[in-house]
PDB file of N, CA and C in Angstrom:
ATOM      1  N   MET A   1       7.993  14.895   3.510  1.00  0.00           N
ATOM      2  CA  MET A   1       8.304  13.630   3.150  1.00  0.00           C
ATOM      3  C   MET A   1       9.339  13.558   2.092  1.00  0.00           C
ATOM      4  N   ARG A   2      10.250  12.669   2.178  1.00  0.00           N
ATOM      5  CA  ARG A   2      11.345  12.571   1.157  1.00  0.00           C
ATOM      6  C   ARG A   2      10.781  11.991  -0.156  1.00  0.00           C
ATOM      7  N   THR A   3      11.500  12.186  -1.152  1.00  0.00           N
ATOM      8  CA  THR A   3      11.118  11.615  -2.529  1.00  0.00           C
ATOM      9  C   THR A   3      11.610  10.112  -2.618  1.00  0.00           C
ATOM     10  N   GLU A   4      11.075   9.445  -3.592  1.00  0.00           N
ATOM     11  CA  GLU A   4      11.491   8.101  -3.731  1.00  0.00           C
ATOM     12  C   GLU A   4      13.010   8.096  -4.283  1.00  0.00           C
ATOM     13  N   GLU A   5      13.242   9.038  -5.064  1.00  0.00           N
ATOM     14  CA  GLU A   5      14.695   9.078  -5.564  1.00  0.00           C
ATOM     15  C   GLU A   5      15.698   9.356  -4.499  1.00  0.00           C
ATOM     16  N   ALA A   6      15.323   9.969  -3.484  1.00  0.00           N
ATOM     17  CA  ALA A   6      16.252  10.278  -2.287  1.00  0.00           C
ATOM     18  C   ALA A   6      16.219   9.118  -1.320  1.00  0.00           C
ATOM     19  N   THR A   7      15.491   8.007  -1.562  1.00  0.00           N
ATOM     20  CA  THR A   7      15.426   6.905  -0.645  1.00  0.00           C
ATOM     21  C   THR A   7      16.275   5.753  -1.282  1.00  0.00           C
ATOM     22  N   PRO A   8      17.245   5.190  -0.439  1.00  0.00           N
ATOM     23  CA  PRO A   8      18.034   4.088  -0.916  1.00  0.00           C
ATOM     24  C   PRO A   8      17.172   2.933  -1.339  1.00  0.00           C
ATOM     25  N   ALA A   9      17.593   2.205  -2.382  1.00  0.00           N
ATOM     26  CA  ALA A   9      16.691   1.184  -2.931  1.00  0.00           C
ATOM     27  C   ALA A   9      16.375   0.111  -1.846  1.00  0.00           C
ATOM     28  N   ALA A  10      17.272  -0.189  -1.005  1.00  0.00           N
ATOM     29  CA  ALA A  10      17.069  -1.241   0.011  1.00  0.00           C
ATOM     30  C   ALA A  10      15.911  -0.816   0.978  1.00  0.00           C
ATOM     31  N   GLU A  11      15.583   0.455   0.994  1.00  0.00           N
ATOM     32  CA  GLU A  11      14.524   0.930   1.917  1.00  0.00           C
ATOM     33  C   GLU A  11      13.175   1.212   1.209  1.00  0.00           C
ATOM     34  N   ARG A  12      13.106   0.795  -0.068  1.00  0.00           N
ATOM     35  CA  ARG A  12      11.806   1.178  -0.848  1.00  0.00           C
ATOM     36  C   ARG A  12      10.892  -0.034  -0.732  1.00  0.00           C
ATOM     37  N   PHE A  13      10.123  -0.155   0.363  1.00  0.00           N
ATOM     38  CA  PHE A  13       9.210  -1.130   0.540  1.00  0.00           C
ATOM     39  C   PHE A  13       8.091  -0.561   1.403  1.00  0.00           C
ATOM     40  N   LEU A  14       6.926  -1.273   1.316  1.00  0.00           N
ATOM     41  CA  LEU A  14       5.719  -0.884   2.179  1.00  0.00           C
ATOM     42  C   LEU A  14       5.480  -2.054   3.139  1.00  0.00           C
ATOM     43  N   CYS A  15       5.082  -1.715   4.322  1.00  0.00           N
ATOM     44  CA  CYS A  15       4.687  -2.675   5.275  1.00  0.00           C
ATOM     45  C   CYS A  15       3.161  -2.836   5.341  1.00  0.00           C
ATOM     46  N   VAL A  16       2.608  -3.943   4.975  1.00  0.00           N
ATOM     47  CA  VAL A  16       1.221  -4.211   5.050  1.00  0.00           C
ATOM     48  C   VAL A  16       0.882  -4.588   6.493  1.00  0.00           C
ATOM     49  N   GLU A  17      -0.016  -3.844   7.041  1.00  0.00           N
ATOM     50  CA  GLU A  17      -0.530  -4.164   8.415  1.00  0.00           C
ATOM     51  C   GLU A  17      -1.672  -5.180   8.493  1.00  0.00           C
ATOM     52  N   SER A  18      -2.652  -5.011   7.499  1.00  0.00           N
ATOM     53  CA  SER A  18      -3.677  -5.928   7.369  1.00  0.00           C
ATOM     54  C   SER A  18      -4.541  -5.574   6.152  1.00  0.00           C
ATOM     55  N   ARG A  19      -5.471  -6.470   5.864  1.00  0.00           N
ATOM     56  CA  ARG A  19      -6.508  -6.203   4.834  1.00  0.00           C
ATOM     57  C   ARG A  19      -7.608  -5.416   5.553  1.00  0.00           C
ATOM     58  N   ALA A  20      -8.232  -4.568   4.772  1.00  0.00           N
ATOM     59  CA  ALA A  20      -9.330  -3.815   5.356  1.00  0.00           C
ATOM     60  C   ALA A  20     -10.629  -4.800   5.323  1.00  0.00           C
ATOM     61  N   ASP A  21     -11.250  -5.026   6.453  1.00  0.00           N
ATOM     62  CA  ASP A  21     -12.380  -5.863   6.538  1.00  0.00           C
ATOM     63  C   ASP A  21     -13.611  -5.020   6.142  1.00  0.00           C
ATOM     64  N   ALA A  22     -14.748  -5.682   6.185  1.00  0.00           N
ATOM     65  CA  ALA A  22     -16.020  -5.125   5.742  1.00  0.00           C
ATOM     66  C   ALA A  22     -16.361  -3.897   6.652  1.00  0.00           C
ATOM     67  N   ARG A  23     -16.122  -3.960   7.977  1.00  0.00           N
ATOM     68  CA  ARG A  23     -16.420  -2.880   8.831  1.00  0.00           C
ATOM     69  C   ARG A  23     -15.549  -1.626   8.481  1.00  0.00           C
ATOM     70  N   ALA A  24     -14.282  -1.859   8.297  1.00  0.00           N
ATOM     71  CA  ALA A  24     -13.414  -0.827   7.931  1.00  0.00           C
ATOM     72  C   ALA A  24     -13.813  -0.202   6.554  1.00  0.00           C
ATOM     73  N   LEU A  25     -14.101  -1.013   5.602  1.00  0.00           N
ATOM     74  CA  LEU A  25     -14.541  -0.495   4.298  1.00  0.00           C
ATOM     75  C   LEU A  25     -15.881   0.312   4.377  1.00  0.00           C
ATOM     76  N   ALA A  26     -16.835  -0.096   5.296  1.00  0.00           N
ATOM     77  CA  ALA A  26     -17.986   0.666   5.426  1.00  0.00           C
ATOM     78  C   ALA A  26     -17.669   2.043   6.042  1.00  0.00           C
ATOM     79  N   ASP A  27     -16.766   2.046   6.957  1.00  0.00           N
ATOM     80  CA  ASP A  27     -16.382   3.368   7.539  1.00  0.00           C
ATOM     81  C   ASP A  27     -15.472   4.262   6.725  1.00  0.00           C
ATOM     82  N   LEU A  28     -14.498   3.652   5.962  1.00  0.00           N
ATOM     83  CA  LEU A  28     -13.513   4.407   5.284  1.00  0.00           C
ATOM     84  C   LEU A  28     -13.475   4.306   3.803  1.00  0.00           C
ATOM     85  N   GLY A  29     -14.082   3.243   3.268  1.00  0.00           N
ATOM     86  CA  GLY A  29     -14.046   2.926   1.944  1.00  0.00           C
ATOM     87  C   GLY A  29     -14.758   3.916   0.999  1.00  0.00           C
ATOM     88  N   LYS A  30     -15.530   4.759   1.447  1.00  0.00           N
ATOM     89  CA  LYS A  30     -16.274   5.674   0.597  1.00  0.00           C
ATOM     90  C   LYS A  30     -15.253   6.643  -0.104  1.00  0.00           C
ATOM     91  N   ALA A  31     -14.178   6.873   0.456  1.00  0.00           N
ATOM     92  CA  ALA A  31     -13.127   7.816  -0.088  1.00  0.00           C
ATOM     93  C   ALA A  31     -12.237   7.084  -1.178  1.00  0.00           C
ATOM     94  N   LEU A  32     -12.489   5.789  -1.340  1.00  0.00           N
ATOM     95  CA  LEU A  32     -11.546   5.058  -2.245  1.00  0.00           C
ATOM     96  C   LEU A  32     -12.436   4.809  -3.533  1.00  0.00           C
ATOM     97  N   PRO A  33     -11.672   4.662  -4.665  1.00  0.00           N
ATOM     98  CA  PRO A  33     -12.382   4.332  -5.976  1.00  0.00           C
ATOM     99  C   PRO A  33     -12.867   2.903  -5.887  1.00  0.00           C
ATOM    100  N   PRO A  34     -13.799   2.569  -6.744  1.00  0.00           N
ATOM    101  CA  PRO A  34     -14.379   1.234  -6.839  1.00  0.00           C
ATOM    102  C   PRO A  34     -13.218   0.268  -7.109  1.00  0.00           C
ATOM    103  N   ARG A  35     -13.297  -0.964  -6.589  1.00  0.00           N
ATOM    104  CA  ARG A  35     -12.331  -1.986  -6.740  1.00  0.00           C
ATOM    105  C   ARG A  35     -12.644  -2.862  -7.883  1.00  0.00           C
ATOM    106  N   SER A  36     -11.650  -3.390  -8.611  1.00  0.00           N
ATOM    107  CA  SER A  36     -11.850  -4.316  -9.694  1.00  0.00           C
ATOM    108  C   SER A  36     -11.684  -5.695  -9.106  1.00  0.00           C
ATOM    109  N   ALA A  37     -12.010  -6.702  -9.849  1.00  0.00           N
ATOM    110  CA  ALA A  37     -11.815  -8.104  -9.438  1.00  0.00           C
ATOM    111  C   ALA A  37     -10.309  -8.342  -9.123  1.00  0.00           C
ATOM    112  N   GLY A  38     -10.084  -9.013  -8.071  1.00  0.00           N
ATOM    113  CA  GLY A  38      -8.745  -9.368  -7.646  1.00  0.00           C
ATOM    114  C   GLY A  38      -7.911  -8.238  -6.948  1.00  0.00           C
ATOM    115  N   GLU A  39      -8.656  -7.202  -6.581  1.00  0.00           N
ATOM    116  CA  GLU A  39      -8.053  -6.039  -5.848  1.00  0.00           C
ATOM    117  C   GLU A  39      -8.499  -6.201  -4.416  1.00  0.00           C
ATOM    118  N   ASP A  40      -7.557  -5.780  -3.528  1.00  0.00           N
ATOM    119  CA  ASP A  40      -7.813  -5.774  -2.063  1.00  0.00           C
ATOM    120  C   ASP A  40      -7.466  -4.379  -1.575  1.00  0.00           C
ATOM    121  N   VAL A  41      -8.098  -3.899  -0.428  1.00  0.00           N
ATOM    122  CA  VAL A  41      -7.693  -2.704   0.236  1.00  0.00           C
ATOM    123  C   VAL A  41      -6.964  -3.058   1.350  1.00  0.00           C
ATOM    124  N   LEU A  42      -5.670  -2.488   1.471  1.00  0.00           N
ATOM    125  CA  LEU A  42      -4.770  -2.839   2.526  1.00  0.00           C
ATOM    126  C   LEU A  42      -4.502  -1.652   3.413  1.00  0.00           C
ATOM    127  N   PHE A  43      -4.223  -1.879   4.687  1.00  0.00           N
ATOM    128  CA  PHE A  43      -3.772  -0.813   5.623  1.00  0.00           C
ATOM    129  C   PHE A  43      -2.209  -0.981   5.684  1.00  0.00           C
ATOM    130  N   LEU A  44      -1.519   0.123   5.399  1.00  0.00           N
ATOM    131  CA  LEU A  44      -0.099   0.141   5.408  1.00  0.00           C
ATOM    132  C   LEU A  44       0.400   0.967   6.507  1.00  0.00           C
ATOM    133  N   SER A  45       1.618   0.573   7.026  1.00  0.00           N
ATOM    134  CA  SER A  45       2.231   1.482   8.012  1.00  0.00           C
ATOM    135  C   SER A  45       2.908   2.685   7.273  1.00  0.00           C
ATOM    136  N   PHE A  46       3.497   3.547   8.013  1.00  0.00           N
ATOM    137  CA  PHE A  46       4.174   4.657   7.461  1.00  0.00           C
ATOM    138  C   PHE A  46       4.999   4.368   6.219  1.00  0.00           C
ATOM    139  N   CYS A  47       4.867   5.113   5.157  1.00  0.00           N
ATOM    140  CA  CYS A  47       5.543   4.860   3.869  1.00  0.00           C
ATOM    141  C   CYS A  47       6.931   5.567   3.889  1.00  0.00           C
ATOM    142  N   TYR A  48       7.873   4.965   3.204  1.00  0.00           N
ATOM    143  CA  TYR A  48       9.252   5.556   3.177  1.00  0.00           C
ATOM    144  C   TYR A  48       9.330   6.791   2.424  1.00  0.00           C
ATOM    145  N   ALA A  49       8.386   7.072   1.600  1.00  0.00           N
ATOM    146  CA  ALA A  49       8.456   8.300   0.669  1.00  0.00           C
ATOM    147  C   ALA A  49       7.064   8.553   0.081  1.00  0.00           C
ATOM    148  N   ASP A  50       6.818   9.508  -0.591  1.00  0.00           N
ATOM    149  CA  ASP A  50       5.624   9.733  -1.283  1.00  0.00           C
ATOM    150  C   ASP A  50       5.438   8.630  -2.289  1.00  0.00           C
ATOM    151  N   ALA A  51       4.365   7.896  -2.191  1.00  0.00           N
ATOM    152  CA  ALA A  51       3.996   6.763  -3.131  1.00  0.00           C
ATOM    153  C   ALA A  51       2.752   7.136  -3.907  1.00  0.00           C
ATOM    154  N   PRO A  52       2.807   7.795  -5.028  1.00  0.00           N
ATOM    155  CA  PRO A  52       1.742   8.296  -5.718  1.00  0.00           C
ATOM    156  C   PRO A  52       0.883   7.107  -6.360  1.00  0.00           C
ATOM    157  N   PRO A  53      -0.434   7.414  -6.569  1.00  0.00           N
ATOM    158  CA  PRO A  53      -1.119   6.451  -7.350  1.00  0.00           C
ATOM    159  C   PRO A  53      -0.439   6.099  -8.652  1.00  0.00           C
ATOM    160  N   GLY A  54      -0.481   4.819  -9.015  1.00  0.00           N
ATOM    161  CA  GLY A  54       0.153   4.279 -10.196  1.00  0.00           C
ATOM    162  C   GLY A  54       1.458   3.656  -9.913  1.00  0.00           C
ATOM    163  N   ARG A  55       2.071   3.933  -8.694  1.00  0.00           N
ATOM    164  CA  ARG A  55       3.351   3.209  -8.326  1.00  0.00           C
ATOM    165  C   ARG A  55       3.127   1.829  -8.195  1.00  0.00           C
ATOM    166  N   ARG A  56       4.052   1.063  -8.826  1.00  0.00           N
ATOM    167  CA  ARG A  56       3.922  -0.466  -8.803  1.00  0.00           C
ATOM    168  C   ARG A  56       5.099  -1.106  -8.057  1.00  0.00           C
ATOM    169  N   TYR A  57       4.830  -2.122  -7.313  1.00  0.00           N
ATOM    170  CA  TYR A  57       5.753  -2.913  -6.573  1.00  0.00           C
ATOM    171  C   TYR A  57       5.649  -4.319  -7.221  1.00  0.00           C
ATOM    172  N   LYS A  58       6.796  -5.095  -7.203  1.00  0.00           N
ATOM    173  CA  LYS A  58       6.844  -6.335  -8.025  1.00  0.00           C
ATOM    174  C   LYS A  58       6.733  -7.587  -7.153  1.00  0.00           C
ATOM    175  N   CYS A  59       6.860  -7.443  -5.820  1.00  0.00           N
ATOM    176  CA  CYS A  59       6.839  -8.603  -4.951  1.00  0.00           C
ATOM    177  C   CYS A  59       6.334  -8.259  -3.554  1.00  0.00           C
ATOM    178  N   CYS A  60       6.069  -9.319  -2.828  1.00  0.00           N
ATOM    179  CA  CYS A  60       5.738  -9.220  -1.411  1.00  0.00           C
ATOM    180  C   CYS A  60       6.618 -10.298  -0.589  1.00  0.00           C
ATOM    181  N   PHE A  61       6.853  -9.978   0.684  1.00  0.00           N
ATOM    182  CA  PHE A  61       7.613 -10.972   1.463  1.00  0.00           C
ATOM    183  C   PHE A  61       7.283 -10.635   2.928  1.00  0.00           C
ATOM    184  N   PRO A  62       7.341 -11.668   3.716  1.00  0.00           N
ATOM    185  CA  PRO A  62       7.072 -11.441   5.291  1.00  0.00           C
ATOM    186  C   PRO A  62       8.261 -10.708   5.808  1.00  0.00           C
ATOM    187  N   ALA A  63       7.966  -9.880   6.779  1.00  0.00           N
ATOM    188  CA  ALA A  63       9.033  -9.040   7.425  1.00  0.00           C
ATOM    189  C   ALA A  63      10.000  -9.922   8.116  1.00  0.00           C
ATOM    190  N   ALA A  64       9.564 -11.079   8.547  1.00  0.00           N
ATOM    191  CA  ALA A  64      10.473 -11.971   9.285  1.00  0.00           C
ATOM    192  C   ALA A  64      11.396 -12.751   8.349  1.00  0.00           C
ATOM    193  N   ASP A  65      11.091 -12.797   7.029  1.00  0.00           N
ATOM    194  CA  ASP A  65      12.000 -13.569   6.070  1.00  0.00           C
ATOM    195  C   ASP A  65      11.939 -12.885   4.734  1.00  0.00           C
ATOM    196  N   GLU A  66      12.792 -11.936   4.498  1.00  0.00           N
ATOM    197  CA  GLU A  66      12.865 -11.249   3.221  1.00  0.00           C
ATOM    198  C   GLU A  66      13.161 -12.138   2.025  1.00  0.00           C
ATOM    199  N   GLY A  67      13.682 -13.336   2.325  1.00  0.00           N
ATOM    200  CA  GLY A  67      13.977 -14.337   1.262  1.00  0.00           C
ATOM    201  C   GLY A  67      12.774 -15.095   0.730  1.00  0.00           C
ATOM    202  N   ASP A  68      11.642 -15.032   1.484  1.00  0.00           N
ATOM    203  CA  ASP A  68      10.500 -15.687   1.087  1.00  0.00           C
ATOM    204  C   ASP A  68       9.585 -14.872   0.308  1.00  0.00           C
ATOM    205  N   VAL A  69       9.942 -14.631  -0.960  1.00  0.00           N
ATOM    206  CA  VAL A  69       9.324 -13.670  -1.880  1.00  0.00           C
ATOM    207  C   VAL A  69       8.161 -14.255  -2.695  1.00  0.00           C
ATOM    208  N   THR A  70       7.163 -13.583  -2.696  1.00  0.00           N
ATOM    209  CA  THR A  70       5.984 -13.865  -3.643  1.00  0.00           C
ATOM    210  C   THR A  70       5.992 -12.865  -4.759  1.00  0.00           C
ATOM    211  N   TRP A  71       6.135 -13.274  -5.970  1.00  0.00           N
ATOM    212  CA  TRP A  71       6.204 -12.303  -7.158  1.00  0.00           C
ATOM    213  C   TRP A  71       4.734 -11.998  -7.456  1.00  0.00           C
ATOM    214  N   VAL A  72       4.419 -10.802  -7.318  1.00  0.00           N
ATOM    215  CA  VAL A  72       3.038 -10.363  -7.673  1.00  0.00           C
ATOM    216  C   VAL A  72       3.032  -8.863  -7.978  1.00  0.00           C
ATOM    217  N   THR A  73       2.270  -8.376  -8.749  1.00  0.00           N
ATOM    218  CA  THR A  73       2.177  -6.885  -9.015  1.00  0.00           C
ATOM    219  C   THR A  73       1.213  -6.268  -8.112  1.00  0.00           C
ATOM    220  N   VAL A  74       1.743  -5.267  -7.317  1.00  0.00           N
ATOM    221  CA  VAL A  74       0.982  -4.473  -6.397  1.00  0.00           C
ATOM    222  C   VAL A  74       0.934  -3.020  -6.889  1.00  0.00           C
ATOM    223  N   THR A  75      -0.198  -2.490  -7.110  1.00  0.00           N
ATOM    224  CA  THR A  75      -0.283  -1.101  -7.714  1.00  0.00           C
ATOM    225  C   THR A  75      -0.983  -0.236  -6.659  1.00  0.00           C
ATOM    226  N   VAL A  76      -0.427   0.930  -6.385  1.00  0.00           N
ATOM    227  CA  VAL A  76      -1.148   1.922  -5.590  1.00  0.00           C
ATOM    228  C   VAL A  76      -2.130   2.597  -6.398  1.00  0.00           C
ATOM    229  N   VAL A  77      -3.440   2.398  -6.076  1.00  0.00           N
ATOM    230  CA  VAL A  77      -4.546   3.002  -6.872  1.00  0.00           C
ATOM    231  C   VAL A  77      -5.061   4.213  -6.157  1.00  0.00           C
ATOM    232  N   ALA A  78      -4.948   4.316  -4.811  1.00  0.00           N
ATOM    233  CA  ALA A  78      -5.426   5.412  -4.068  1.00  0.00           C
ATOM    234  C   ALA A  78      -4.603   5.519  -2.809  1.00  0.00           C
ATOM    235  N   VAL A  79      -4.486   6.792  -2.318  1.00  0.00           N
ATOM    236  CA  VAL A  79      -3.713   7.013  -1.126  1.00  0.00           C
ATOM    237  C   VAL A  79      -4.610   7.857  -0.085  1.00  0.00           C
ATOM    238  N   THR A  80      -4.756   7.322   1.083  1.00  0.00           N
ATOM    239  CA  THR A  80      -5.498   8.028   2.034  1.00  0.00           C
ATOM    240  C   THR A  80      -4.587   8.376   3.225  1.00  0.00           C
ATOM    241  N   GLN A  81      -4.963   9.282   4.000  1.00  0.00           N
ATOM    242  CA  GLN A  81      -4.303   9.652   5.204  1.00  0.00           C
ATOM    243  C   GLN A  81      -5.342  10.093   6.239  1.00  0.00           C
ATOM    244  N   GLN A  82      -5.119   9.856   7.427  1.00  0.00           N
ATOM    245  CA  GLN A  82      -6.047  10.244   8.484  1.00  0.00           C
ATOM    246  C   GLN A  82      -7.438   9.821   8.299  1.00  0.00           C
ATOM    247  N   PHE A  83      -7.571   8.462   8.222  1.00  0.00           N
ATOM    248  CA  PHE A  83      -8.975   7.828   8.217  1.00  0.00           C
ATOM    249  C   PHE A  83      -9.801   8.214   7.019  1.00  0.00           C
ATOM    250  N   GLY A  84      -9.315   7.894   5.865  1.00  0.00           N
ATOM    251  CA  GLY A  84     -10.016   7.943   4.647  1.00  0.00           C
ATOM    252  C   GLY A  84     -10.036   9.274   3.865  1.00  0.00           C
ATOM    253  N   LYS A  85      -9.315  10.310   4.327  1.00  0.00           N
ATOM    254  CA  LYS A  85      -9.314  11.542   3.562  1.00  0.00           C
ATOM    255  C   LYS A  85      -8.355  11.347   2.377  1.00  0.00           C
ATOM    256  N   ARG A  86      -8.868  11.527   1.185  1.00  0.00           N
ATOM    257  CA  ARG A  86      -7.992  11.407  -0.011  1.00  0.00           C
ATOM    258  C   ARG A  86      -6.969  12.490  -0.175  1.00  0.00           C
ATOM    259  N   LEU A  87      -5.784  12.064  -0.590  1.00  0.00           N
ATOM    260  CA  LEU A  87      -4.678  13.089  -0.675  1.00  0.00           C
ATOM    261  C   LEU A  87      -4.742  13.521  -2.199  1.00  0.00           C
TER     262      LEU A  87
END
């Protein structure tokens, strides 16, 4: 996997596939740390580079309209691969 520094800034984003529902959390959530108030567990598609815990993103936008930005802090608190195995 390439490093973030080797990734052009325009390509540094994550694609959210969905929120993890109760069934997914029952199956996969055991590998994740406890959530705080206001935190959600999300399924993401393939990442552009290694995104270590602690990495912060400043906004979200729909794939169909990159100009429709919601300014919010998103922090990577845990990274899983292959169905809940912690990296």
